[in-house]
Amino acid sequence: MILVTGATGFLGKRVCQLLESSNVEFTPTSKSLGVDLRNRSEALALFESVSPKYVLNCASFVGGIQFGQKQPVEIFQHNLQITLNLLEASQHVNVSRLVNPISNCAYPGEATLFKEDEFWDGPLHESVMVYGFVRKASWVGAWAYAQQYGLDVINIILSNMYGPEDHFEAERSHALGALIMKFVKAKENNERHVDVWGSGVPVREWLHVDDGAQAMVRSLEVAPSIEPINIGVAKGISILAMAEIIRDIVGYQGDIKLDPSKPDGALYKTVDGSKGKQHFSWQPDTDFEQGVKATIDWYLKNK
């Protein structure tokens, strides 16, 4: 039996859809489905009831830079509580494998091309320090449980994800989702320009959520490895170039107005996925522009 935590969230939904399409039996769980993994007794009761062989952990409390600035305490508390209870419950019922996704913001703030052997080479970027730390701590917890109890945990490092069913909310959305909302609104309201946060210079590697789901499910069958494994292609795009792509797909005719008074975050973030490609015999393959178009199409139909 596979247990999918955070099953009603952005990544969790696509993981469940992938399992369903493969006719794989699983149990979905999330706070909205009635189990709060921040609560130790609820987490243990769930694991005792389901007795999962595998756990795909998609549960997290996260948003974009603005969200992180406003709720750093909640991000710190909620994610650590989930991690502590998830590891304890997995060990308690002898889970065969736990798949633990880690955001690439857990890498040092000065890093540009993220490589696994540089995971500990410097401090985190201040803009993502709290969430980056709690995700880094999830690896430390996985290592500790592996050392003391032999718990098998696959830790995969994922880039910022995008795609249909993302958070399209003012504070919780990441840059890509926020830009889609802005350009669609500007076109509908015939606005003369769209404000884009920051200088437009920062480069980000984006991971389509379906590739993220593939990585999660494929992690059930790869060889054991407690060390973190990157999922990526070492290719990024600047915020300005991404804004231009979204503008063209939406069909907005106005101007892009950069706002350098707003934070940029780290200037360059791409992921060296060579180790992941070798370990998984696979790497993400969704074309970025096609993925953005599909995301915009979904948003237009569902907003």
C-alpha atoms as a PDB file:
ATOM      1  CA  MET A   1       0.000   0.000   0.000  1.00  0.00           C
ATOM      2  CA  ILE A   2       1.183   3.498  -0.874  1.00  0.00           C
ATOM      3  CA  LEU A   3       0.258   6.454   1.325  1.00  0.00           C
ATOM      4  CA  VAL A   4       0.239   9.866  -0.377  1.00  0.00           C
ATOM      5  CA  THR A   5       0.415  12.737   2.101  1.00  0.00           C
ATOM      6  CA  GLY A   6      -0.602  16.225   1.009  1.00  0.00           C
ATOM      7  CA  ALA A   7      -2.760  14.492  -1.601  1.00  0.00           C
ATOM      8  CA  THR A   8      -4.994  17.500  -2.233  1.00  0.00           C
ATOM      9  CA  GLY A   9      -2.088  19.909  -2.788  1.00  0.00           C
ATOM     10  CA  PHE A  10      -0.445  20.981  -6.023  1.00  0.00           C
ATOM     11  CA  LEU A  11       2.091  18.136  -6.279  1.00  0.00           C
ATOM     12  CA  GLY A  12      -0.057  15.639  -4.389  1.00  0.00           C
ATOM     13  CA  LYS A  13      -2.931  15.861  -6.871  1.00  0.00           C
ATOM     14  CA  ARG A  14      -0.674  15.049  -9.800  1.00  0.00           C
ATOM     15  CA  VAL A  15       0.997  12.194  -7.923  1.00  0.00           C
ATOM     16  CA  CYS A  16      -2.439  10.695  -7.226  1.00  0.00           C
ATOM     17  CA  GLN A  17      -3.458  11.137 -10.872  1.00  0.00           C
ATOM     18  CA  LEU A  18      -0.275   9.383 -12.017  1.00  0.00           C
ATOM     19  CA  LEU A  19      -0.862   6.459  -9.652  1.00  0.00           C
ATOM     20  CA  GLU A  20      -4.497   6.195 -10.761  1.00  0.00           C
ATOM     21  CA  SER A  21      -3.525   6.163 -14.438  1.00  0.00           C
ATOM     22  CA  SER A  22      -1.126   3.285 -13.681  1.00  0.00           C
ATOM     23  CA  ASN A  23      -3.810   1.379 -11.722  1.00  0.00           C
ATOM     24  CA  VAL A  24      -1.693   1.472  -8.585  1.00  0.00           C
ATOM     25  CA  GLU A  25      -3.520   1.188  -5.268  1.00  0.00           C
ATOM     26  CA  PHE A  26      -2.910   4.033  -2.831  1.00  0.00           C
ATOM     27  CA  THR A  27      -4.439   5.923   0.073  1.00  0.00           C
ATOM     28  CA  PRO A  28      -4.624   9.719  -0.144  1.00  0.00           C
ATOM     29  CA  THR A  29      -4.464  11.893   2.944  1.00  0.00           C
ATOM     30  CA  SER A  30      -4.238  15.605   3.708  1.00  0.00           C
ATOM     31  CA  LYS A  31      -5.446  18.145   6.216  1.00  0.00           C
ATOM     32  CA  SER A  32      -8.530  18.822   4.111  1.00  0.00           C
ATOM     33  CA  LEU A  33      -9.236  15.079   4.057  1.00  0.00           C
ATOM     34  CA  GLY A  34      -9.265  15.019   7.841  1.00  0.00           C
ATOM     35  CA  VAL A  35      -5.727  14.227   9.044  1.00  0.00           C
ATOM     36  CA  ASP A  36      -3.432  16.979  10.316  1.00  0.00           C
ATOM     37  CA  LEU A  37       0.136  15.687  10.123  1.00  0.00           C
ATOM     38  CA  ARG A  38       1.259  18.477  12.432  1.00  0.00           C
ATOM     39  CA  ASN A  39      -0.535  16.547  15.179  1.00  0.00           C
ATOM     40  CA  ARG A  40       1.585  13.620  16.394  1.00  0.00           C
ATOM     41  CA  SER A  41      -1.322  11.475  17.581  1.00  0.00           C
ATOM     42  CA  GLU A  42      -3.241  11.977  14.319  1.00  0.00           C
ATOM     43  CA  ALA A  43      -0.177  11.077  12.264  1.00  0.00           C
ATOM     44  CA  LEU A  44       0.535   7.913  14.265  1.00  0.00           C
ATOM     45  CA  ALA A  45      -3.119   6.849  14.168  1.00  0.00           C
ATOM     46  CA  LEU A  46      -3.198   7.275  10.390  1.00  0.00           C
ATOM     47  CA  PHE A  47      -0.064   5.189   9.849  1.00  0.00           C
ATOM     48  CA  GLU A  48      -1.294   2.470  12.218  1.00  0.00           C
ATOM     49  CA  SER A  49      -4.613   2.346  10.354  1.00  0.00           C
ATOM     50  CA  VAL A  50      -3.196   2.328   6.814  1.00  0.00           C
ATOM     51  CA  SER A  51       0.039   0.441   7.578  1.00  0.00           C
ATOM     52  CA  PRO A  52       1.683   1.723   4.378  1.00  0.00           C
ATOM     53  CA  LYS A  53       4.596   0.004   2.726  1.00  0.00           C
ATOM     54  CA  TYR A  54       5.569   3.186   0.895  1.00  0.00           C
ATOM     55  CA  VAL A  55       5.022   6.883   1.635  1.00  0.00           C
ATOM     56  CA  LEU A  56       5.052   9.638  -0.966  1.00  0.00           C
ATOM     57  CA  ASN A  57       5.275  12.841   1.055  1.00  0.00           C
ATOM     58  CA  CYS A  58       3.714  15.817  -0.734  1.00  0.00           C
ATOM     59  CA  ALA A  59       2.680  17.639   2.442  1.00  0.00           C
ATOM     60  CA  SER A  60       4.129  21.120   2.999  1.00  0.00           C
ATOM     61  CA  PHE A  61       3.251  24.681   3.973  1.00  0.00           C
ATOM     62  CA  VAL A  62       4.804  26.983   1.390  1.00  0.00           C
ATOM     63  CA  GLY A  63       4.267  29.894  -0.995  1.00  0.00           C
ATOM     64  CA  GLY A  64       6.193  32.543  -2.901  1.00  0.00           C
ATOM     65  CA  ILE A  65       8.605  35.176  -1.551  1.00  0.00           C
ATOM     66  CA  GLN A  66       5.791  37.431  -0.314  1.00  0.00           C
ATOM     67  CA  PHE A  67       4.150  34.527   1.510  1.00  0.00           C
ATOM     68  CA  GLY A  68       7.473  33.639   3.119  1.00  0.00           C
ATOM     69  CA  GLN A  69       8.020  37.211   4.296  1.00  0.00           C
ATOM     70  CA  LYS A  70       4.630  37.397   6.000  1.00  0.00           C
ATOM     71  CA  GLN A  71       4.484  33.969   7.654  1.00  0.00           C
ATOM     72  CA  PRO A  72       8.024  32.812   8.502  1.00  0.00           C
ATOM     73  CA  VAL A  73       6.996  31.472  11.929  1.00  0.00           C
ATOM     74  CA  GLU A  74       4.169  29.379  10.501  1.00  0.00           C
ATOM     75  CA  ILE A  75       6.439  28.083   7.733  1.00  0.00           C
ATOM     76  CA  PHE A  76       9.029  27.120  10.357  1.00  0.00           C
ATOM     77  CA  GLN A  77       6.595  25.491  12.784  1.00  0.00           C
ATOM     78  CA  HIS A  78       4.233  23.687  10.420  1.00  0.00           C
ATOM     79  CA  ASN A  79       6.881  22.123   8.205  1.00  0.00           C
ATOM     80  CA  LEU A  80       9.075  20.964  11.079  1.00  0.00           C
ATOM     81  CA  GLN A  81       6.073  19.448  12.848  1.00  0.00           C
ATOM     82  CA  ILE A  82       5.077  17.573   9.679  1.00  0.00           C
ATOM     83  CA  THR A  83       8.622  16.293   9.199  1.00  0.00           C
ATOM     84  CA  LEU A  84       9.061  15.120  12.796  1.00  0.00           C
ATOM     85  CA  ASN A  85       5.738  13.289  12.859  1.00  0.00           C
ATOM     86  CA  LEU A  86       6.155  11.792   9.398  1.00  0.00           C
ATOM     87  CA  LEU A  87       9.560  10.312  10.213  1.00  0.00           C
ATOM     88  CA  GLU A  88       8.399   8.949  13.563  1.00  0.00           C
ATOM     89  CA  ALA A  89       5.240   7.419  12.101  1.00  0.00           C
ATOM     90  CA  SER A  90       7.173   5.874   9.202  1.00  0.00           C
ATOM     91  CA  GLN A  91       9.621   4.235  11.583  1.00  0.00           C
ATOM     92  CA  HIS A  92       6.796   3.200  13.934  1.00  0.00           C
ATOM     93  CA  VAL A  93       5.076   1.024  11.306  1.00  0.00           C
ATOM     94  CA  ASN A  94       8.275  -0.056   9.511  1.00  0.00           C
ATOM     95  CA  VAL A  95       7.677   1.731   6.222  1.00  0.00           C
ATOM     96  CA  SER A  96       9.808   0.202   3.449  1.00  0.00           C
ATOM     97  CA  ARG A  97      10.507   3.545   1.767  1.00  0.00           C
ATOM     98  CA  LEU A  98       9.687   7.191   2.344  1.00  0.00           C
ATOM     99  CA  VAL A  99      10.049   9.592  -0.591  1.00  0.00           C
ATOM    100  CA  ASN A 100      10.972  13.056   0.671  1.00  0.00           C
ATOM    101  CA  PRO A 101      11.020  16.008  -1.775  1.00  0.00           C
ATOM    102  CA  ILE A 102      13.287  18.937  -0.891  1.00  0.00           C
ATOM    103  CA  SER A 103      13.050  22.373  -2.501  1.00  0.00           C
ATOM    104  CA  ASN A 104      16.172  23.615  -4.280  1.00  0.00           C
ATOM    105  CA  CYS A 105      16.085  26.704  -2.030  1.00  0.00           C
ATOM    106  CA  ALA A 106      17.813  24.454   0.522  1.00  0.00           C
ATOM    107  CA  TYR A 107      21.031  25.064  -1.444  1.00  0.00           C
ATOM    108  CA  PRO A 108      23.446  27.868  -0.433  1.00  0.00           C
ATOM    109  CA  GLY A 109      22.301  31.324  -1.445  1.00  0.00           C
ATOM    110  CA  GLU A 110      25.516  32.040  -3.367  1.00  0.00           C
ATOM    111  CA  ALA A 111      25.298  28.855  -5.430  1.00  0.00           C
ATOM    112  CA  THR A 112      24.332  29.137  -9.106  1.00  0.00           C
ATOM    113  CA  LEU A 113      24.385  25.631 -10.577  1.00  0.00           C
ATOM    114  CA  PHE A 114      23.222  23.443  -7.714  1.00  0.00           C
ATOM    115  CA  LYS A 115      25.325  20.315  -7.226  1.00  0.00           C
ATOM    116  CA  GLU A 116      24.685  17.705  -4.553  1.00  0.00           C
ATOM    117  CA  ASP A 117      28.243  17.793  -3.203  1.00  0.00           C
ATOM    118  CA  GLU A 118      27.838  21.546  -2.543  1.00  0.00           C
ATOM    119  CA  PHE A 119      24.643  21.176  -0.486  1.00  0.00           C
ATOM    120  CA  TRP A 120      26.413  22.355   2.695  1.00  0.00           C
ATOM    121  CA  ASP A 121      28.803  24.895   1.203  1.00  0.00           C
ATOM    122  CA  GLY A 122      27.282  28.123   2.548  1.00  0.00           C
ATOM    123  CA  PRO A 123      24.356  29.944   4.176  1.00  0.00           C
ATOM    124  CA  LEU A 124      20.892  30.029   2.649  1.00  0.00           C
ATOM    125  CA  HIS A 125      19.573  33.087   0.828  1.00  0.00           C
ATOM    126  CA  GLU A 126      17.692  35.327   3.264  1.00  0.00           C
ATOM    127  CA  SER A 127      14.583  35.475   1.068  1.00  0.00           C
ATOM    128  CA  VAL A 128      14.034  31.708   1.484  1.00  0.00           C
ATOM    129  CA  MET A 129      16.026  31.068   4.657  1.00  0.00           C
ATOM    130  CA  VAL A 130      13.171  29.653   6.737  1.00  0.00           C
ATOM    131  CA  TYR A 131      11.662  27.301   4.173  1.00  0.00           C
ATOM    132  CA  GLY A 132      15.087  26.342   2.863  1.00  0.00           C
ATOM    133  CA  PHE A 133      16.180  25.480   6.396  1.00  0.00           C
ATOM    134  CA  VAL A 134      13.169  23.326   7.244  1.00  0.00           C
ATOM    135  CA  ARG A 135      13.568  21.393   3.996  1.00  0.00           C
ATOM    136  CA  LYS A 136      17.261  20.948   4.729  1.00  0.00           C
ATOM    137  CA  ALA A 137      16.305  19.782   8.212  1.00  0.00           C
ATOM    138  CA  SER A 138      14.049  17.143   6.658  1.00  0.00           C
ATOM    139  CA  TRP A 139      17.148  15.616   5.071  1.00  0.00           C
ATOM    140  CA  VAL A 140      18.988  15.709   8.400  1.00  0.00           C
ATOM    141  CA  GLY A 141      16.029  13.937  10.013  1.00  0.00           C
ATOM    142  CA  ALA A 142      15.984  11.343   7.241  1.00  0.00           C
ATOM    143  CA  TRP A 143      19.719  10.767   7.730  1.00  0.00           C
ATOM    144  CA  ALA A 144      19.254  10.374  11.492  1.00  0.00           C
ATOM    145  CA  TYR A 145      16.451   7.802  11.100  1.00  0.00           C
ATOM    146  CA  ALA A 146      18.490   5.944   8.492  1.00  0.00           C
ATOM    147  CA  GLN A 147      21.481   5.805  10.846  1.00  0.00           C
ATOM    148  CA  GLN A 148      19.594   4.714  13.954  1.00  0.00           C
ATOM    149  CA  TYR A 149      16.707   2.674  12.557  1.00  0.00           C
ATOM    150  CA  GLY A 150      17.662   1.850   8.982  1.00  0.00           C
ATOM    151  CA  LEU A 151      14.726   3.820   7.564  1.00  0.00           C
ATOM    152  CA  ASP A 152      14.946   3.927   3.758  1.00  0.00           C
ATOM    153  CA  VAL A 153      14.393   7.506   2.588  1.00  0.00           C
ATOM    154  CA  ILE A 154      14.877   8.831  -0.931  1.00  0.00           C
ATOM    155  CA  ASN A 155      15.515  12.596  -0.796  1.00  0.00           C
ATOM    156  CA  ILE A 156      14.945  14.265  -4.154  1.00  0.00           C
ATOM    157  CA  ILE A 157      15.633  17.961  -4.729  1.00  0.00           C
ATOM    158  CA  LEU A 158      13.035  19.635  -6.950  1.00  0.00           C
ATOM    159  CA  SER A 159      13.091  23.039  -8.654  1.00  0.00           C
ATOM    160  CA  ASN A 160      10.214  25.504  -8.370  1.00  0.00           C
ATOM    161  CA  MET A 161       7.241  23.719  -9.846  1.00  0.00           C
ATOM    162  CA  TYR A 162       4.577  25.087 -12.147  1.00  0.00           C
ATOM    163  CA  GLY A 163       1.628  23.720 -14.081  1.00  0.00           C
ATOM    164  CA  PRO A 164      -2.144  23.288 -14.021  1.00  0.00           C
ATOM    165  CA  GLU A 165      -3.795  23.411 -10.574  1.00  0.00           C
ATOM    166  CA  ASP A 166      -1.013  25.540  -9.099  1.00  0.00           C
ATOM    167  CA  HIS A 167      -1.668  28.109  -6.362  1.00  0.00           C
ATOM    168  CA  PHE A 168      -3.103  31.101  -8.198  1.00  0.00           C
ATOM    169  CA  GLU A 169      -3.370  33.378  -5.198  1.00  0.00           C
ATOM    170  CA  ALA A 170      -1.767  36.777  -4.674  1.00  0.00           C
ATOM    171  CA  GLU A 171       0.549  35.648  -1.859  1.00  0.00           C
ATOM    172  CA  ARG A 172       0.922  31.897  -2.269  1.00  0.00           C
ATOM    173  CA  SER A 173       1.789  31.819  -5.961  1.00  0.00           C
ATOM    174  CA  HIS A 174       5.393  31.696  -7.134  1.00  0.00           C
ATOM    175  CA  ALA A 175       6.675  34.087  -9.788  1.00  0.00           C
ATOM    176  CA  LEU A 176       5.349  32.136 -12.772  1.00  0.00           C
ATOM    177  CA  GLY A 177       1.806  31.790 -11.433  1.00  0.00           C
ATOM    178  CA  ALA A 178       1.755  35.397 -10.265  1.00  0.00           C
ATOM    179  CA  LEU A 179       2.762  36.601 -13.735  1.00  0.00           C
ATOM    180  CA  ILE A 180       0.052  34.534 -15.403  1.00  0.00           C
ATOM    181  CA  MET A 181      -2.554  36.144 -13.144  1.00  0.00           C
ATOM    182  CA  LYS A 182      -1.197  39.626 -13.824  1.00  0.00           C
ATOM    183  CA  PHE A 183      -1.103  39.320 -17.610  1.00  0.00           C
ATOM    184  CA  VAL A 184      -4.552  37.743 -17.865  1.00  0.00           C
ATOM    185  CA  LYS A 185      -6.022  40.463 -15.654  1.00  0.00           C
ATOM    186  CA  ALA A 186      -4.218  43.210 -17.582  1.00  0.00           C
ATOM    187  CA  LYS A 187      -5.552  41.908 -20.900  1.00  0.00           C
ATOM    188  CA  GLU A 188      -9.118  41.654 -19.576  1.00  0.00           C
ATOM    189  CA  ASN A 189      -8.982  45.178 -18.131  1.00  0.00           C
ATOM    190  CA  ASN A 190      -7.048  46.769 -21.030  1.00  0.00           C
ATOM    191  CA  GLU A 191      -4.308  47.919 -18.654  1.00  0.00           C
ATOM    192  CA  ARG A 192      -1.394  49.817 -20.213  1.00  0.00           C
ATOM    193  CA  HIS A 193       1.354  47.935 -18.401  1.00  0.00           C
ATOM    194  CA  VAL A 194       2.067  45.005 -16.089  1.00  0.00           C
ATOM    195  CA  ASP A 195       4.292  45.422 -13.041  1.00  0.00           C
ATOM    196  CA  VAL A 196       6.911  42.696 -12.689  1.00  0.00           C
ATOM    197  CA  TRP A 197       8.661  42.379  -9.326  1.00  0.00           C
ATOM    198  CA  GLY A 198      12.387  43.039  -9.190  1.00  0.00           C
ATOM    199  CA  SER A 199      14.955  43.683 -11.884  1.00  0.00           C
ATOM    200  CA  GLY A 200      13.849  40.864 -14.181  1.00  0.00           C
ATOM    201  CA  VAL A 201      17.424  39.553 -14.170  1.00  0.00           C
ATOM    202  CA  PRO A 202      17.182  36.522 -11.801  1.00  0.00           C
ATOM    203  CA  VAL A 203      17.282  33.152 -13.559  1.00  0.00           C
ATOM    204  CA  ARG A 204      15.224  30.206 -12.377  1.00  0.00           C
ATOM    205  CA  GLU A 205      14.928  26.609 -13.453  1.00  0.00           C
ATOM    206  CA  TRP A 206      11.291  25.515 -13.484  1.00  0.00           C
ATOM    207  CA  LEU A 207       9.982  21.976 -13.123  1.00  0.00           C
ATOM    208  CA  HIS A 208       6.611  21.018 -14.574  1.00  0.00           C
ATOM    209  CA  VAL A 209       4.491  19.446 -11.834  1.00  0.00           C
ATOM    210  CA  ASP A 210       3.948  16.306 -13.929  1.00  0.00           C
ATOM    211  CA  ASP A 211       7.723  15.808 -14.061  1.00  0.00           C
ATOM    212  CA  GLY A 212       7.798  16.327 -10.295  1.00  0.00           C
ATOM    213  CA  ALA A 213       5.111  13.658  -9.912  1.00  0.00           C
ATOM    214  CA  GLN A 214       7.087  11.322 -12.181  1.00  0.00           C
ATOM    215  CA  ALA A 215      10.159  11.794 -10.006  1.00  0.00           C
ATOM    216  CA  MET A 216       8.152  11.025  -6.862  1.00  0.00           C
ATOM    217  CA  VAL A 217       6.647   7.800  -8.219  1.00  0.00           C
ATOM    218  CA  ARG A 218       9.891   6.659  -9.864  1.00  0.00           C
ATOM    219  CA  SER A 219      11.582   7.115  -6.472  1.00  0.00           C
ATOM    220  CA  LEU A 220       9.701   4.055  -5.228  1.00  0.00           C
ATOM    221  CA  GLU A 221      11.784   1.732  -7.402  1.00  0.00           C
ATOM    222  CA  VAL A 222      15.256   3.280  -7.665  1.00  0.00           C
ATOM    223  CA  ALA A 223      18.260   2.012  -5.735  1.00  0.00           C
ATOM    224  CA  PRO A 224      18.531   3.167  -2.100  1.00  0.00           C
ATOM    225  CA  SER A 225      20.435   6.411  -1.448  1.00  0.00           C
ATOM    226  CA  ILE A 226      20.286   8.586   1.640  1.00  0.00           C
ATOM    227  CA  GLU A 227      22.206  11.387  -0.093  1.00  0.00           C
ATOM    228  CA  PRO A 228      20.096  14.063  -1.809  1.00  0.00           C
ATOM    229  CA  ILE A 229      19.473  13.596  -5.535  1.00  0.00           C
ATOM    230  CA  ASN A 230      18.762  16.509  -7.870  1.00  0.00           C
ATOM    231  CA  ILE A 231      15.939  16.329 -10.394  1.00  0.00           C
ATOM    232  CA  GLY A 232      16.688  18.869 -13.118  1.00  0.00           C
ATOM    233  CA  VAL A 233      18.224  19.742 -16.463  1.00  0.00           C
ATOM    234  CA  ALA A 234      20.589  22.658 -15.590  1.00  0.00           C
ATOM    235  CA  LYS A 235      18.615  25.085 -17.749  1.00  0.00           C
ATOM    236  CA  GLY A 236      16.923  28.257 -16.496  1.00  0.00           C
ATOM    237  CA  ILE A 237      15.154  31.345 -17.762  1.00  0.00           C
ATOM    238  CA  SER A 238      15.229  34.939 -16.541  1.00  0.00           C
ATOM    239  CA  ILE A 239      12.147  36.445 -14.931  1.00  0.00           C
ATOM    240  CA  LEU A 240      11.923  39.024 -17.740  1.00  0.00           C
ATOM    241  CA  ALA A 241      12.185  36.415 -20.509  1.00  0.00           C
ATOM    242  CA  MET A 242       9.562  34.321 -18.740  1.00  0.00           C
ATOM    243  CA  ALA A 243       7.282  37.370 -18.469  1.00  0.00           C
ATOM    244  CA  GLU A 244       7.664  37.963 -22.202  1.00  0.00           C
ATOM    245  CA  ILE A 245       6.700  34.354 -22.976  1.00  0.00           C
ATOM    246  CA  ILE A 246       3.622  34.592 -20.770  1.00  0.00           C
ATOM    247  CA  ARG A 247       2.680  37.964 -22.289  1.00  0.00           C
ATOM    248  CA  ASP A 248       2.866  36.549 -25.816  1.00  0.00           C
ATOM    249  CA  ILE A 249       0.866  33.406 -25.000  1.00  0.00           C
ATOM    250  CA  VAL A 250      -1.824  35.409 -23.197  1.00  0.00           C
ATOM    251  CA  GLY A 251      -1.921  37.875 -26.106  1.00  0.00           C
ATOM    252  CA  TYR A 252      -1.434  40.966 -23.977  1.00  0.00           C
ATOM    253  CA  GLN A 253      -0.417  44.035 -26.004  1.00  0.00           C
ATOM    254  CA  GLY A 254       0.774  46.384 -23.235  1.00  0.00           C
ATOM    255  CA  ASP A 255       4.180  47.006 -21.694  1.00  0.00           C
ATOM    256  CA  ILE A 256       6.190  45.196 -19.045  1.00  0.00           C
ATOM    257  CA  LYS A 257       7.241  47.525 -16.225  1.00  0.00           C
ATOM    258  CA  LEU A 258       9.984  46.247 -13.917  1.00  0.00           C
ATOM    259  CA  ASP A 259       9.841  47.241 -10.250  1.00  0.00           C
ATOM    260  CA  PRO A 260      13.395  47.088  -8.821  1.00  0.00           C
ATOM    261  CA  SER A 261      12.109  48.212  -5.414  1.00  0.00           C
ATOM    262  CA  LYS A 262      10.739  44.677  -4.936  1.00  0.00           C
ATOM    263  CA  PRO A 263      13.044  41.799  -3.909  1.00  0.00           C
ATOM    264  CA  ASP A 264      14.745  39.644  -6.517  1.00  0.00           C
ATOM    265  CA  GLY A 265      15.673  36.727  -4.323  1.00  0.00           C
ATOM    266  CA  ALA A 266      18.762  34.758  -5.336  1.00  0.00           C
ATOM    267  CA  LEU A 267      20.089  35.864  -8.722  1.00  0.00           C
ATOM    268  CA  TYR A 268      20.643  32.476 -10.341  1.00  0.00           C
ATOM    269  CA  LYS A 269      19.228  29.038  -9.576  1.00  0.00           C
ATOM    270  CA  THR A 270      19.606  26.035 -11.857  1.00  0.00           C
ATOM    271  CA  VAL A 271      20.008  22.380 -10.977  1.00  0.00           C
ATOM    272  CA  ASP A 272      22.696  19.926 -12.078  1.00  0.00           C
ATOM    273  CA  GLY A 273      20.586  16.834 -12.703  1.00  0.00           C
ATOM    274  CA  SER A 274      23.356  14.543 -13.984  1.00  0.00           C
ATOM    275  CA  LYS A 275      23.358  12.360 -10.868  1.00  0.00           C
ATOM    276  CA  GLY A 276      19.578  12.146 -10.924  1.00  0.00           C
ATOM    277  CA  LYS A 277      19.521  11.203 -14.605  1.00  0.00           C
ATOM    278  CA  GLN A 278      21.955   8.376 -13.910  1.00  0.00           C
ATOM    279  CA  HIS A 279      20.168   7.171 -10.767  1.00  0.00           C
ATOM    280  CA  PHE A 280      16.665   7.291 -12.292  1.00  0.00           C
ATOM    281  CA  SER A 281      17.552   6.512 -15.927  1.00  0.00           C
ATOM    282  CA  TRP A 282      15.264   9.464 -16.635  1.00  0.00           C
ATOM    283  CA  GLN A 283      15.105  13.240 -16.422  1.00  0.00           C
ATOM    284  CA  PRO A 284      12.365  15.879 -16.793  1.00  0.00           C
ATOM    285  CA  ASP A 285      11.299  16.307 -20.419  1.00  0.00           C
ATOM    286  CA  THR A 286       8.347  18.741 -20.489  1.00  0.00           C
ATOM    287  CA  ASP A 287       8.988  21.610 -22.910  1.00  0.00           C
ATOM    288  CA  PHE A 288       8.847  24.867 -20.931  1.00  0.00           C
ATOM    289  CA  GLU A 289       6.785  26.932 -23.358  1.00  0.00           C
ATOM    290  CA  GLN A 290       4.323  24.103 -23.931  1.00  0.00           C
ATOM    291  CA  GLY A 291       4.052  23.642 -20.175  1.00  0.00           C
ATOM    292  CA  VAL A 292       3.404  27.361 -19.666  1.00  0.00           C
ATOM    293  CA  LYS A 293       0.737  27.353 -22.386  1.00  0.00           C
ATOM    294  CA  ALA A 294      -1.035  24.385 -20.773  1.00  0.00           C
ATOM    295  CA  THR A 295      -0.881  26.185 -17.422  1.00  0.00           C
ATOM    296  CA  ILE A 296      -2.375  29.366 -18.882  1.00  0.00           C
ATOM    297  CA  ASP A 297      -5.109  27.370 -20.636  1.00  0.00           C
ATOM    298  CA  TRP A 298      -6.025  25.699 -17.337  1.00  0.00           C
ATOM    299  CA  TYR A 299      -6.055  29.019 -15.504  1.00  0.00           C
ATOM    300  CA  LEU A 300      -8.322  30.646 -18.098  1.00  0.00           C
ATOM    301  CA  LYS A 301     -10.794  27.791 -17.760  1.00  0.00           C
ATOM    302  CA  ASN A 302     -10.738  27.560 -13.979  1.00  0.00           C
ATOM    303  CA  LYS A 303     -10.019  31.023 -12.554  1.00  0.00           C
END
